[in-house]
Amino acid sequence: PNTKRVYLAEFQHLLNLLDDYYVGDLNPKRLKD
């Protein structure tokens, strides 16, 4: 449960910044940024 909570929270942080941009389309450069 603790690992799941951390993973979901950190992933949600990324999704919030992406807004409508699909996370699966991220390339290495955008991930680095």
PDB file of all heavy atoms in Angstrom:
ATOM      1  N   PRO A   1       0.812  -1.228   0.000  1.00  0.00           N
ATOM      2  CA  PRO A   1       0.000   0.000   0.000  1.00  0.00           C
ATOM      3  C   PRO A   1       0.837   1.266   0.000  1.00  0.00           C
ATOM      4  O   PRO A   1       0.491   2.239  -0.659  1.00  0.00           O
ATOM      5  CB  PRO A   1      -0.820  -0.131   1.292  1.00  0.00           C
ATOM      6  CG  PRO A   1      -0.926  -1.597   1.522  1.00  0.00           C
ATOM      7  CD  PRO A   1       0.387  -2.158   1.070  1.00  0.00           C
ATOM      8  N   ASN A   2       1.960   1.244   0.724  1.00  0.00           N
ATOM      9  CA  ASN A   2       2.796   2.442   0.794  1.00  0.00           C
ATOM     10  C   ASN A   2       3.466   2.726  -0.549  1.00  0.00           C
ATOM     11  O   ASN A   2       3.497   3.876  -1.013  1.00  0.00           O
ATOM     12  CB  ASN A   2       3.859   2.284   1.879  1.00  0.00           C
ATOM     13  CG  ASN A   2       4.639   3.564   2.113  1.00  0.00           C
ATOM     14  OD1 ASN A   2       4.057   4.607   2.415  1.00  0.00           O
ATOM     15  ND2 ASN A   2       5.943   3.507   1.953  1.00  0.00           N
ATOM     16  N   THR A   3       4.009   1.678  -1.191  1.00  0.00           N
ATOM     17  CA  THR A   3       4.639   1.847  -2.499  1.00  0.00           C
ATOM     18  C   THR A   3       3.610   2.303  -3.526  1.00  0.00           C
ATOM     19  O   THR A   3       3.877   3.191  -4.339  1.00  0.00           O
ATOM     20  CB  THR A   3       5.290   0.534  -2.962  1.00  0.00           C
ATOM     21  OG1 THR A   3       6.281   0.138  -2.014  1.00  0.00           O
ATOM     22  CG2 THR A   3       5.947   0.696  -4.328  1.00  0.00           C
ATOM     23  N   LYS A   4       2.436   1.720  -3.459  1.00  0.00           N
ATOM     24  CA  LYS A   4       1.373   2.099  -4.382  1.00  0.00           C
ATOM     25  C   LYS A   4       0.996   3.571  -4.200  1.00  0.00           C
ATOM     26  O   LYS A   4       0.820   4.304  -5.181  1.00  0.00           O
ATOM     27  CB  LYS A   4       0.150   1.210  -4.148  1.00  0.00           C
ATOM     28  CG  LYS A   4      -1.030   1.508  -5.060  1.00  0.00           C
ATOM     29  CD  LYS A   4      -2.193   0.588  -4.757  1.00  0.00           C
ATOM     30  CE  LYS A   4      -3.422   0.978  -5.566  1.00  0.00           C
ATOM     31  NZ  LYS A   4      -4.591   0.118  -5.261  1.00  0.00           N
ATOM     32  N   ARG A   5       0.912   3.998  -2.969  1.00  0.00           N
ATOM     33  CA  ARG A   5       0.559   5.394  -2.686  1.00  0.00           C
ATOM     34  C   ARG A   5       1.596   6.344  -3.265  1.00  0.00           C
ATOM     35  O   ARG A   5       1.256   7.363  -3.880  1.00  0.00           O
ATOM     36  CB  ARG A   5       0.454   5.596  -1.170  1.00  0.00           C
ATOM     37  CG  ARG A   5       0.188   7.030  -0.737  1.00  0.00           C
ATOM     38  CD  ARG A   5       0.188   7.158   0.785  1.00  0.00           C
ATOM     39  NE  ARG A   5       1.438   6.720   1.364  1.00  0.00           N
ATOM     40  CZ  ARG A   5       2.540   7.473   1.394  1.00  0.00           C
ATOM     41  NH1 ARG A   5       2.533   8.689   0.859  1.00  0.00           N
ATOM     42  NH2 ARG A   5       3.634   7.010   1.959  1.00  0.00           N
ATOM     43  N   VAL A   6       2.878   6.007  -3.079  1.00  0.00           N
ATOM     44  CA  VAL A   6       3.959   6.853  -3.587  1.00  0.00           C
ATOM     45  C   VAL A   6       3.944   6.907  -5.109  1.00  0.00           C
ATOM     46  O   VAL A   6       4.025   7.988  -5.718  1.00  0.00           O
ATOM     47  CB  VAL A   6       5.331   6.345  -3.083  1.00  0.00           C
ATOM     48  CG1 VAL A   6       6.465   7.085  -3.783  1.00  0.00           C
ATOM     49  CG2 VAL A   6       5.437   6.514  -1.579  1.00  0.00           C
ATOM     50  N   TYR A   7       3.827   5.743  -5.753  1.00  0.00           N
ATOM     51  CA  TYR A   7       3.838   5.690  -7.217  1.00  0.00           C
ATOM     52  C   TYR A   7       2.691   6.500  -7.812  1.00  0.00           C
ATOM     53  O   TYR A   7       2.878   7.258  -8.766  1.00  0.00           O
ATOM     54  CB  TYR A   7       3.735   4.238  -7.689  1.00  0.00           C
ATOM     55  CG  TYR A   7       5.044   3.480  -7.702  1.00  0.00           C
ATOM     56  CD1 TYR A   7       6.054   3.760  -6.785  1.00  0.00           C
ATOM     57  CD2 TYR A   7       5.283   2.466  -8.623  1.00  0.00           C
ATOM     58  CE1 TYR A   7       7.245   3.058  -6.788  1.00  0.00           C
ATOM     59  CE2 TYR A   7       6.486   1.761  -8.648  1.00  0.00           C
ATOM     60  CZ  TYR A   7       7.455   2.056  -7.724  1.00  0.00           C
ATOM     61  OH  TYR A   7       8.635   1.362  -7.729  1.00  0.00           O
ATOM     62  N   LEU A   8       1.511   6.339  -7.247  1.00  0.00           N
ATOM     63  CA  LEU A   8       0.341   7.044  -7.785  1.00  0.00           C
ATOM     64  C   LEU A   8       0.460   8.549  -7.573  1.00  0.00           C
ATOM     65  O   LEU A   8       0.103   9.335  -8.457  1.00  0.00           O
ATOM     66  CB  LEU A   8      -0.937   6.509  -7.132  1.00  0.00           C
ATOM     67  CG  LEU A   8      -1.335   5.085  -7.526  1.00  0.00           C
ATOM     68  CD1 LEU A   8      -2.530   4.623  -6.704  1.00  0.00           C
ATOM     69  CD2 LEU A   8      -1.650   5.002  -9.017  1.00  0.00           C
ATOM     70  N   ALA A   9       0.975   8.958  -6.422  1.00  0.00           N
ATOM     71  CA  ALA A   9       1.113  10.390  -6.146  1.00  0.00           C
ATOM     72  C   ALA A   9       2.138  11.033  -7.079  1.00  0.00           C
ATOM     73  O   ALA A   9       1.908  12.132  -7.612  1.00  0.00           O
ATOM     74  CB  ALA A   9       1.523  10.597  -4.692  1.00  0.00           C
ATOM     75  N   GLU A  10       3.271  10.355  -7.279  1.00  0.00           N
ATOM     76  CA  GLU A  10       4.304  10.907  -8.152  1.00  0.00           C
ATOM     77  C   GLU A  10       3.860  10.918  -9.611  1.00  0.00           C
ATOM     78  O   GLU A  10       4.158  11.850 -10.364  1.00  0.00           O
ATOM     79  CB  GLU A  10       5.612  10.112  -7.999  1.00  0.00           C
ATOM     80  CG  GLU A  10       6.203  10.123  -6.603  1.00  0.00           C
ATOM     81  CD  GLU A  10       6.522  11.521  -6.087  1.00  0.00           C
ATOM     82  OE1 GLU A  10       6.489  12.488  -6.873  1.00  0.00           O
ATOM     83  OE2 GLU A  10       6.795  11.658  -4.883  1.00  0.00           O
ATOM     84  N   PHE A  11       3.127   9.908 -10.014  1.00  0.00           N
ATOM     85  CA  PHE A  11       2.620   9.847 -11.390  1.00  0.00           C
ATOM     86  C   PHE A  11       1.570  10.932 -11.614  1.00  0.00           C
ATOM     87  O   PHE A  11       1.530  11.568 -12.675  1.00  0.00           O
ATOM     88  CB  PHE A  11       2.030   8.462 -11.655  1.00  0.00           C
ATOM     89  CG  PHE A  11       1.761   8.174 -13.116  1.00  0.00           C
ATOM     90  CD1 PHE A  11       2.799   8.145 -14.036  1.00  0.00           C
ATOM     91  CD2 PHE A  11       0.476   7.931 -13.556  1.00  0.00           C
ATOM     92  CE1 PHE A  11       2.550   7.869 -15.380  1.00  0.00           C
ATOM     93  CE2 PHE A  11       0.217   7.657 -14.898  1.00  0.00           C
ATOM     94  CZ  PHE A  11       1.262   7.631 -15.809  1.00  0.00           C
ATOM     95  N   GLN A  12       0.751  11.174 -10.603  1.00  0.00           N
ATOM     96  CA  GLN A  12      -0.278  12.202 -10.713  1.00  0.00           C
ATOM     97  C   GLN A  12       0.354  13.581 -10.858  1.00  0.00           C
ATOM     98  O   GLN A  12      -0.182  14.445 -11.569  1.00  0.00           O
ATOM     99  CB  GLN A  12      -1.201  12.167  -9.500  1.00  0.00           C
ATOM    100  CG  GLN A  12      -2.389  13.117  -9.578  1.00  0.00           C
ATOM    101  CD  GLN A  12      -3.338  12.769 -10.709  1.00  0.00           C
ATOM    102  OE1 GLN A  12      -3.899  11.682 -10.741  1.00  0.00           O
ATOM    103  NE2 GLN A  12      -3.509  13.688 -11.650  1.00  0.00           N
ATOM    104  N   HIS A  13       1.477  13.794 -10.195  1.00  0.00           N
ATOM    105  CA  HIS A  13       2.189  15.076 -10.314  1.00  0.00           C
ATOM    106  C   HIS A  13       2.577  15.333 -11.768  1.00  0.00           C
ATOM    107  O   HIS A  13       2.412  16.445 -12.294  1.00  0.00           O
ATOM    108  CB  HIS A  13       3.431  15.066  -9.424  1.00  0.00           C
ATOM    109  CG  HIS A  13       4.251  16.322  -9.503  1.00  0.00           C
ATOM    110  ND1 HIS A  13       5.324  16.463 -10.358  1.00  0.00           N
ATOM    111  CD2 HIS A  13       4.148  17.497  -8.825  1.00  0.00           C
ATOM    112  CE1 HIS A  13       5.846  17.669 -10.218  1.00  0.00           C
ATOM    113  NE2 HIS A  13       5.151  18.314  -9.291  1.00  0.00           N
ATOM    114  N   LEU A  14       3.080  14.306 -12.438  1.00  0.00           N
ATOM    115  CA  LEU A  14       3.435  14.426 -13.853  1.00  0.00           C
ATOM    116  C   LEU A  14       2.202  14.688 -14.699  1.00  0.00           C
ATOM    117  O   LEU A  14       2.205  15.567 -15.570  1.00  0.00           O
ATOM    118  CB  LEU A  14       4.137  13.148 -14.315  1.00  0.00           C
ATOM    119  CG  LEU A  14       4.390  13.012 -15.821  1.00  0.00           C
ATOM    120  CD1 LEU A  14       5.306  14.129 -16.322  1.00  0.00           C
ATOM    121  CD2 LEU A  14       4.985  11.644 -16.140  1.00  0.00           C
ATOM    122  N   LEU A  15       1.130  13.951 -14.458  1.00  0.00           N
ATOM    123  CA  LEU A  15      -0.100  14.108 -15.244  1.00  0.00           C
ATOM    124  C   LEU A  15      -0.681  15.512 -15.099  1.00  0.00           C
ATOM    125  O   LEU A  15      -1.195  16.083 -16.064  1.00  0.00           O
ATOM    126  CB  LEU A  15      -1.140  13.063 -14.822  1.00  0.00           C
ATOM    127  CG  LEU A  15      -0.754  11.593 -15.047  1.00  0.00           C
ATOM    128  CD1 LEU A  15      -1.904  10.683 -14.613  1.00  0.00           C
ATOM    129  CD2 LEU A  15      -0.381  11.325 -16.492  1.00  0.00           C
ATOM    130  N   ASN A  16      -0.599  16.066 -13.901  1.00  0.00           N
ATOM    131  CA  ASN A  16      -1.128  17.416 -13.676  1.00  0.00           C
ATOM    132  C   ASN A  16      -0.401  18.454 -14.528  1.00  0.00           C
ATOM    133  O   ASN A  16      -1.021  19.383 -15.058  1.00  0.00           O
ATOM    134  CB  ASN A  16      -1.019  17.790 -12.197  1.00  0.00           C
ATOM    135  CG  ASN A  16      -1.975  17.000 -11.325  1.00  0.00           C
ATOM    136  OD1 ASN A  16      -2.946  16.422 -11.804  1.00  0.00           O
ATOM    137  ND2 ASN A  16      -1.693  16.954 -10.038  1.00  0.00           N
ATOM    138  N   LEU A  17       0.902  18.287 -14.666  1.00  0.00           N
ATOM    139  CA  LEU A  17       1.690  19.219 -15.464  1.00  0.00           C
ATOM    140  C   LEU A  17       1.460  19.023 -16.959  1.00  0.00           C
ATOM    141  O   LEU A  17       1.515  19.971 -17.742  1.00  0.00           O
ATOM    142  CB  LEU A  17       3.181  19.065 -15.149  1.00  0.00           C
ATOM    143  CG  LEU A  17       3.632  19.530 -13.753  1.00  0.00           C
ATOM    144  CD1 LEU A  17       5.092  19.189 -13.527  1.00  0.00           C
ATOM    145  CD2 LEU A  17       3.412  21.028 -13.593  1.00  0.00           C
ATOM    146  N   LEU A  18       1.173  17.784 -17.342  1.00  0.00           N
ATOM    147  CA  LEU A  18       0.954  17.495 -18.761  1.00  0.00           C
ATOM    148  C   LEU A  18      -0.392  18.010 -19.253  1.00  0.00           C
ATOM    149  O   LEU A  18      -0.568  18.283 -20.443  1.00  0.00           O
ATOM    150  CB  LEU A  18       1.045  15.978 -19.006  1.00  0.00           C
ATOM    151  CG  LEU A  18       2.425  15.343 -18.866  1.00  0.00           C
ATOM    152  CD1 LEU A  18       2.320  13.837 -19.043  1.00  0.00           C
ATOM    153  CD2 LEU A  18       3.398  15.926 -19.879  1.00  0.00           C
ATOM    154  N   ASP A  19      -1.336  18.093 -18.349  1.00  0.00           N
ATOM    155  CA  ASP A  19      -2.696  18.529 -18.698  1.00  0.00           C
ATOM    156  C   ASP A  19      -3.293  17.557 -19.726  1.00  0.00           C
ATOM    157  O   ASP A  19      -3.501  16.397 -19.415  1.00  0.00           O
ATOM    158  CB  ASP A  19      -2.672  19.970 -19.219  1.00  0.00           C
ATOM    159  CG  ASP A  19      -4.048  20.608 -19.202  1.00  0.00           C
ATOM    160  OD1 ASP A  19      -4.957  20.046 -18.544  1.00  0.00           O
ATOM    161  OD2 ASP A  19      -4.223  21.652 -19.836  1.00  0.00           O
ATOM    162  N   ASP A  20      -3.514  18.000 -20.952  1.00  0.00           N
ATOM    163  CA  ASP A  20      -4.140  17.141 -21.966  1.00  0.00           C
ATOM    164  C   ASP A  20      -3.133  16.392 -22.827  1.00  0.00           C
ATOM    165  O   ASP A  20      -3.521  15.622 -23.713  1.00  0.00           O
ATOM    166  CB  ASP A  20      -5.047  17.983 -22.885  1.00  0.00           C
ATOM    167  CG  ASP A  20      -6.268  18.527 -22.146  1.00  0.00           C
ATOM    168  OD1 ASP A  20      -6.704  17.868 -21.182  1.00  0.00           O
ATOM    169  OD2 ASP A  20      -6.764  19.609 -22.522  1.00  0.00           O
ATOM    170  N   TYR A  21      -1.851  16.618 -22.596  1.00  0.00           N
ATOM    171  CA  TYR A  21      -0.824  15.938 -23.395  1.00  0.00           C
ATOM    172  C   TYR A  21      -0.703  14.490 -22.907  1.00  0.00           C
ATOM    173  O   TYR A  21      -0.469  14.235 -21.725  1.00  0.00           O
ATOM    174  CB  TYR A  21       0.516  16.652 -23.270  1.00  0.00           C
ATOM    175  CG  TYR A  21       1.594  16.130 -24.206  1.00  0.00           C
ATOM    176  CD1 TYR A  21       1.754  16.672 -25.471  1.00  0.00           C
ATOM    177  CD2 TYR A  21       2.439  15.099 -23.806  1.00  0.00           C
ATOM    178  CE1 TYR A  21       2.735  16.199 -26.332  1.00  0.00           C
ATOM    179  CE2 TYR A  21       3.426  14.608 -24.654  1.00  0.00           C
ATOM    180  CZ  TYR A  21       3.567  15.156 -25.915  1.00  0.00           C
ATOM    181  OH  TYR A  21       4.530  14.681 -26.769  1.00  0.00           O
ATOM    182  N   TYR A  22      -0.822  13.531 -23.803  1.00  0.00           N
ATOM    183  CA  TYR A  22      -0.820  12.112 -23.430  1.00  0.00           C
ATOM    184  C   TYR A  22       0.551  11.685 -22.901  1.00  0.00           C
ATOM    185  O   TYR A  22       1.573  11.867 -23.565  1.00  0.00           O
ATOM    186  CB  TYR A  22      -1.212  11.254 -24.627  1.00  0.00           C
ATOM    187  CG  TYR A  22      -1.101   9.767 -24.380  1.00  0.00           C
ATOM    188  CD1 TYR A  22      -1.664   9.171 -23.233  1.00  0.00           C
ATOM    189  CD2 TYR A  22      -0.425   8.939 -25.283  1.00  0.00           C
ATOM    190  CE1 TYR A  22      -1.555   7.810 -23.007  1.00  0.00           C
ATOM    191  CE2 TYR A  22      -0.319   7.571 -25.068  1.00  0.00           C
ATOM    192  CZ  TYR A  22      -0.887   7.020 -23.926  1.00  0.00           C
ATOM    193  OH  TYR A  22      -0.782   5.665 -23.694  1.00  0.00           O
ATOM    194  N   VAL A  23       0.574  11.117 -21.705  1.00  0.00           N
ATOM    195  CA  VAL A  23       1.823  10.729 -21.065  1.00  0.00           C
ATOM    196  C   VAL A  23       2.605   9.718 -21.894  1.00  0.00           C
ATOM    197  O   VAL A  23       3.837   9.713 -21.899  1.00  0.00           O
ATOM    198  CB  VAL A  23       1.544  10.177 -19.641  1.00  0.00           C
ATOM    199  CG1 VAL A  23       0.708   8.904 -19.703  1.00  0.00           C
ATOM    200  CG2 VAL A  23       2.840   9.933 -18.883  1.00  0.00           C
ATOM    201  N   GLY A  24       1.916   8.871 -22.620  1.00  0.00           N
ATOM    202  CA  GLY A  24       2.584   7.856 -23.433  1.00  0.00           C
ATOM    203  C   GLY A  24       3.364   8.427 -24.600  1.00  0.00           C
ATOM    204  O   GLY A  24       4.201   7.738 -25.183  1.00  0.00           O
ATOM    205  N   ASP A  25       3.109   9.676 -24.947  1.00  0.00           N
ATOM    206  CA  ASP A  25       3.821  10.322 -26.058  1.00  0.00           C
ATOM    207  C   ASP A  25       5.085  11.035 -25.615  1.00  0.00           C
ATOM    208  O   ASP A  25       5.779  11.631 -26.442  1.00  0.00           O
ATOM    209  CB  ASP A  25       2.897  11.340 -26.754  1.00  0.00           C
ATOM    210  CG  ASP A  25       1.781  10.663 -27.535  1.00  0.00           C
ATOM    211  OD1 ASP A  25       1.952   9.473 -27.886  1.00  0.00           O
ATOM    212  OD2 ASP A  25       0.748  11.312 -27.789  1.00  0.00           O
ATOM    213  N   LEU A  26       5.397  11.001 -24.338  1.00  0.00           N
ATOM    214  CA  LEU A  26       6.600  11.668 -23.847  1.00  0.00           C
ATOM    215  C   LEU A  26       7.853  11.005 -24.404  1.00  0.00           C
ATOM    216  O   LEU A  26       7.986   9.785 -24.377  1.00  0.00           O
ATOM    217  CB  LEU A  26       6.647  11.630 -22.316  1.00  0.00           C
ATOM    218  CG  LEU A  26       5.685  12.555 -21.571  1.00  0.00           C
ATOM    219  CD1 LEU A  26       5.742  12.264 -20.082  1.00  0.00           C
ATOM    220  CD2 LEU A  26       6.012  14.012 -21.835  1.00  0.00           C
ATOM    221  N   ASN A  27       8.767  11.811 -24.894  1.00  0.00           N
ATOM    222  CA  ASN A  27      10.044  11.291 -25.380  1.00  0.00           C
ATOM    223  C   ASN A  27      11.118  11.574 -24.333  1.00  0.00           C
ATOM    224  O   ASN A  27      10.882  12.301 -23.360  1.00  0.00           O
ATOM    225  CB  ASN A  27      10.408  11.912 -26.735  1.00  0.00           C
ATOM    226  CG  ASN A  27      10.458  13.436 -26.682  1.00  0.00           C
ATOM    227  OD1 ASN A  27      10.851  14.012 -25.667  1.00  0.00           O
ATOM    228  ND2 ASN A  27      10.053  14.087 -27.759  1.00  0.00           N
ATOM    229  N   PRO A  28      12.324  11.008 -24.487  1.00  0.00           N
ATOM    230  CA  PRO A  28      13.378  11.211 -23.480  1.00  0.00           C
ATOM    231  C   PRO A  28      13.678  12.673 -23.189  1.00  0.00           C
ATOM    232  O   PRO A  28      13.945  13.031 -22.036  1.00  0.00           O
ATOM    233  CB  PRO A  28      14.583  10.500 -24.106  1.00  0.00           C
ATOM    234  CG  PRO A  28      13.974   9.415 -24.934  1.00  0.00           C
ATOM    235  CD  PRO A  28      12.719  10.021 -25.506  1.00  0.00           C
ATOM    236  N   LYS A  29      13.633  13.530 -24.209  1.00  0.00           N
ATOM    237  CA  LYS A  29      13.934  14.939 -23.990  1.00  0.00           C
ATOM    238  C   LYS A  29      12.898  15.600 -23.090  1.00  0.00           C
ATOM    239  O   LYS A  29      13.230  16.350 -22.162  1.00  0.00           O
ATOM    240  CB  LYS A  29      14.009  15.695 -25.317  1.00  0.00           C
ATOM    241  CG  LYS A  29      14.368  17.179 -25.138  1.00  0.00           C
ATOM    242  CD  LYS A  29      14.360  17.922 -26.445  1.00  0.00           C
ATOM    243  CE  LYS A  29      14.761  19.387 -26.228  1.00  0.00           C
ATOM    244  NZ  LYS A  29      13.910  20.076 -25.234  1.00  0.00           N
ATOM    245  N   ARG A  30      11.627  15.341 -23.352  1.00  0.00           N
ATOM    246  CA  ARG A  30      10.567  15.953 -22.544  1.00  0.00           C
ATOM    247  C   ARG A  30      10.604  15.406 -21.118  1.00  0.00           C
ATOM    248  O   ARG A  30      10.324  16.128 -20.160  1.00  0.00           O
ATOM    249  CB  ARG A  30       9.206  15.717 -23.172  1.00  0.00           C
ATOM    250  CG  ARG A  30       9.018  16.456 -24.493  1.00  0.00           C
ATOM    251  CD  ARG A  30       7.573  16.677 -24.826  1.00  0.00           C
ATOM    252  NE  ARG A  30       6.922  17.569 -23.863  1.00  0.00           N
ATOM    253  CZ  ARG A  30       5.716  18.104 -24.059  1.00  0.00           C
ATOM    254  NH1 ARG A  30       5.041  17.846 -25.169  1.00  0.00           N
ATOM    255  NH2 ARG A  30       5.182  18.887 -23.143  1.00  0.00           N
ATOM    256  N   LEU A  31      10.933  14.148 -20.963  1.00  0.00           N
ATOM    257  CA  LEU A  31      11.062  13.579 -19.624  1.00  0.00           C
ATOM    258  C   LEU A  31      12.225  14.226 -18.876  1.00  0.00           C
ATOM    259  O   LEU A  31      12.118  14.539 -17.690  1.00  0.00           O
ATOM    260  CB  LEU A  31      11.267  12.066 -19.711  1.00  0.00           C
ATOM    261  CG  LEU A  31      10.011  11.233 -19.962  1.00  0.00           C
ATOM    262  CD1 LEU A  31      10.378   9.791 -20.279  1.00  0.00           C
ATOM    263  CD2 LEU A  31       9.064  11.293 -18.771  1.00  0.00           C
ATOM    264  N   LYS A  32      13.329  14.452 -19.584  1.00  0.00           N
ATOM    265  CA  LYS A  32      14.476  15.112 -18.968  1.00  0.00           C
ATOM    266  C   LYS A  32      14.114  16.525 -18.519  1.00  0.00           C
ATOM    267  O   LYS A  32      14.477  16.958 -17.428  1.00  0.00           O
ATOM    268  CB  LYS A  32      15.646  15.147 -19.951  1.00  0.00           C
ATOM    269  CG  LYS A  32      16.920  15.748 -19.361  1.00  0.00           C
ATOM    270  CD  LYS A  32      18.065  15.689 -20.364  1.00  0.00           C
ATOM    271  CE  LYS A  32      19.332  16.274 -19.739  1.00  0.00           C
ATOM    272  NZ  LYS A  32      20.480  16.216 -20.699  1.00  0.00           N
ATOM    273  N   ASP A  33      13.369  17.234 -19.367  1.00  0.00           N
ATOM    274  CA  ASP A  33      12.929  18.587 -19.011  1.00  0.00           C
ATOM    275  C   ASP A  33      12.048  18.564 -17.764  1.00  0.00           C
ATOM    276  O   ASP A  33      12.127  19.449 -16.912  1.00  0.00           O
ATOM    277  CB  ASP A  33      12.162  19.219 -20.179  1.00  0.00           C
ATOM    278  CG  ASP A  33      13.060  19.563 -21.350  1.00  0.00           C
ATOM    279  OD1 ASP A  33      14.287  19.644 -21.148  1.00  0.00           O
ATOM    280  OD2 ASP A  33      12.541  19.734 -22.475  1.00  0.00           O
TER     281      ASP A  33
END
